[in-house]
Protein backbone atom coordinates (compact mmCIF):
# COMPACT_ATOMS: atom_id res chain seq x y z
CA MET A 1 -0.50 -5.06 -18.36
CA GLY A 2 -0.99 -4.30 -14.68
CA LEU A 3 2.00 -3.75 -12.49
CA LEU A 4 0.34 -5.68 -9.66
CA ARG A 5 -1.57 -8.06 -11.70
CA ASP A 6 2.49 -9.13 -13.67
CA LEU A 7 3.73 -9.46 -9.65
CA PRO A 8 3.42 -12.90 -9.30
CA LEU A 9 4.71 -14.20 -12.13
CA ALA A 10 7.52 -11.74 -12.22
CA LEU A 11 8.85 -13.17 -8.51
CA TYR A 12 8.22 -16.65 -9.88
CA GLU A 13 10.66 -15.96 -13.01
CA LEU A 14 12.96 -14.22 -11.27
CA ALA A 15 13.30 -16.61 -8.55
CA ARG A 16 13.35 -19.25 -10.88
CA MET A 17 16.02 -17.72 -12.95
CA ALA A 18 17.83 -16.80 -9.87
CA ILE A 19 18.29 -20.82 -9.55
CA VAL A 20 18.59 -21.41 -12.44
CA ALA A 21 21.94 -19.20 -12.42
CA ARG A 22 23.13 -20.50 -8.94
CA PHE A 23 21.79 -17.89 -7.31
CA ARG A 24 25.71 -16.20 -9.16
CA LEU A 25 24.02 -12.87 -10.04
CA ARG A 26 27.39 -11.08 -9.83
CA GLY A 27 29.20 -13.43 -11.89
CA ALA A 28 30.50 -12.32 -15.25
CA TYR A 29 27.46 -13.05 -17.40
CA TYR A 30 25.14 -10.24 -14.74
CA THR A 31 27.67 -7.40 -14.16
CA TRP A 32 27.55 -7.01 -18.15
CA ARG A 33 23.89 -7.00 -18.81
CA TRP A 34 23.70 -4.52 -15.35
CA GLN A 35 26.64 -2.39 -17.18
CA THR A 36 25.27 -2.54 -20.88
CA ALA A 37 21.24 -2.00 -19.09
CA PHE A 38 21.90 1.30 -16.90
CA GLY A 39 25.33 2.58 -18.12
CA ARG A 40 27.02 4.57 -15.23
CA GLY A 41 24.62 5.73 -13.13
CA THR A 42 20.99 3.36 -11.50
CA PRO A 43 18.25 4.07 -12.22
CA PRO A 44 16.15 5.55 -8.84
CA ARG A 45 15.31 3.06 -6.20
CA GLY A 46 11.23 2.82 -7.25
CA GLU A 47 11.87 2.72 -11.22
CA LEU A 48 14.46 -0.30 -10.83
CA LEU A 49 12.08 -2.42 -9.06
CA ARG A 50 9.53 -1.38 -12.09
CA GLY A 51 11.64 -2.14 -14.42
CA MET A 52 12.62 -5.45 -12.81
CA ILE A 53 8.44 -6.48 -11.64
CA GLU A 54 8.31 -5.51 -16.16
CA PHE A 55 10.76 -7.68 -16.08
CA GLY A 56 9.91 -10.74 -15.02
CA ALA A 57 6.71 -10.60 -16.30
CA TRP A 58 7.98 -10.05 -19.50
CA ALA A 59 10.59 -13.12 -19.61
CA PHE A 60 7.34 -15.68 -17.93
CA ARG A 61 5.61 -14.22 -20.59
CA VAL A 62 8.00 -15.37 -23.18
CA ARG A 63 9.18 -18.54 -22.13
CA THR A 64 6.11 -19.59 -21.68
CA GLY A 65 4.33 -18.39 -24.45
CA ARG A 66 1.84 -16.58 -23.17
């Protein structure tokens, strides 16, 4: 899918996930997710943002069945 086309859906889904989690994004679960996703190193900022947008768009499609 196109990155720009997925951007609004991804931002909506990421915001929804933050609200559902009550913005506790540094808790045990999200810390564990971050560590299992990246291990010891964090990718460059551009790659990280691109991955977040792709994940948000994927999560939206999975949740809505699109």
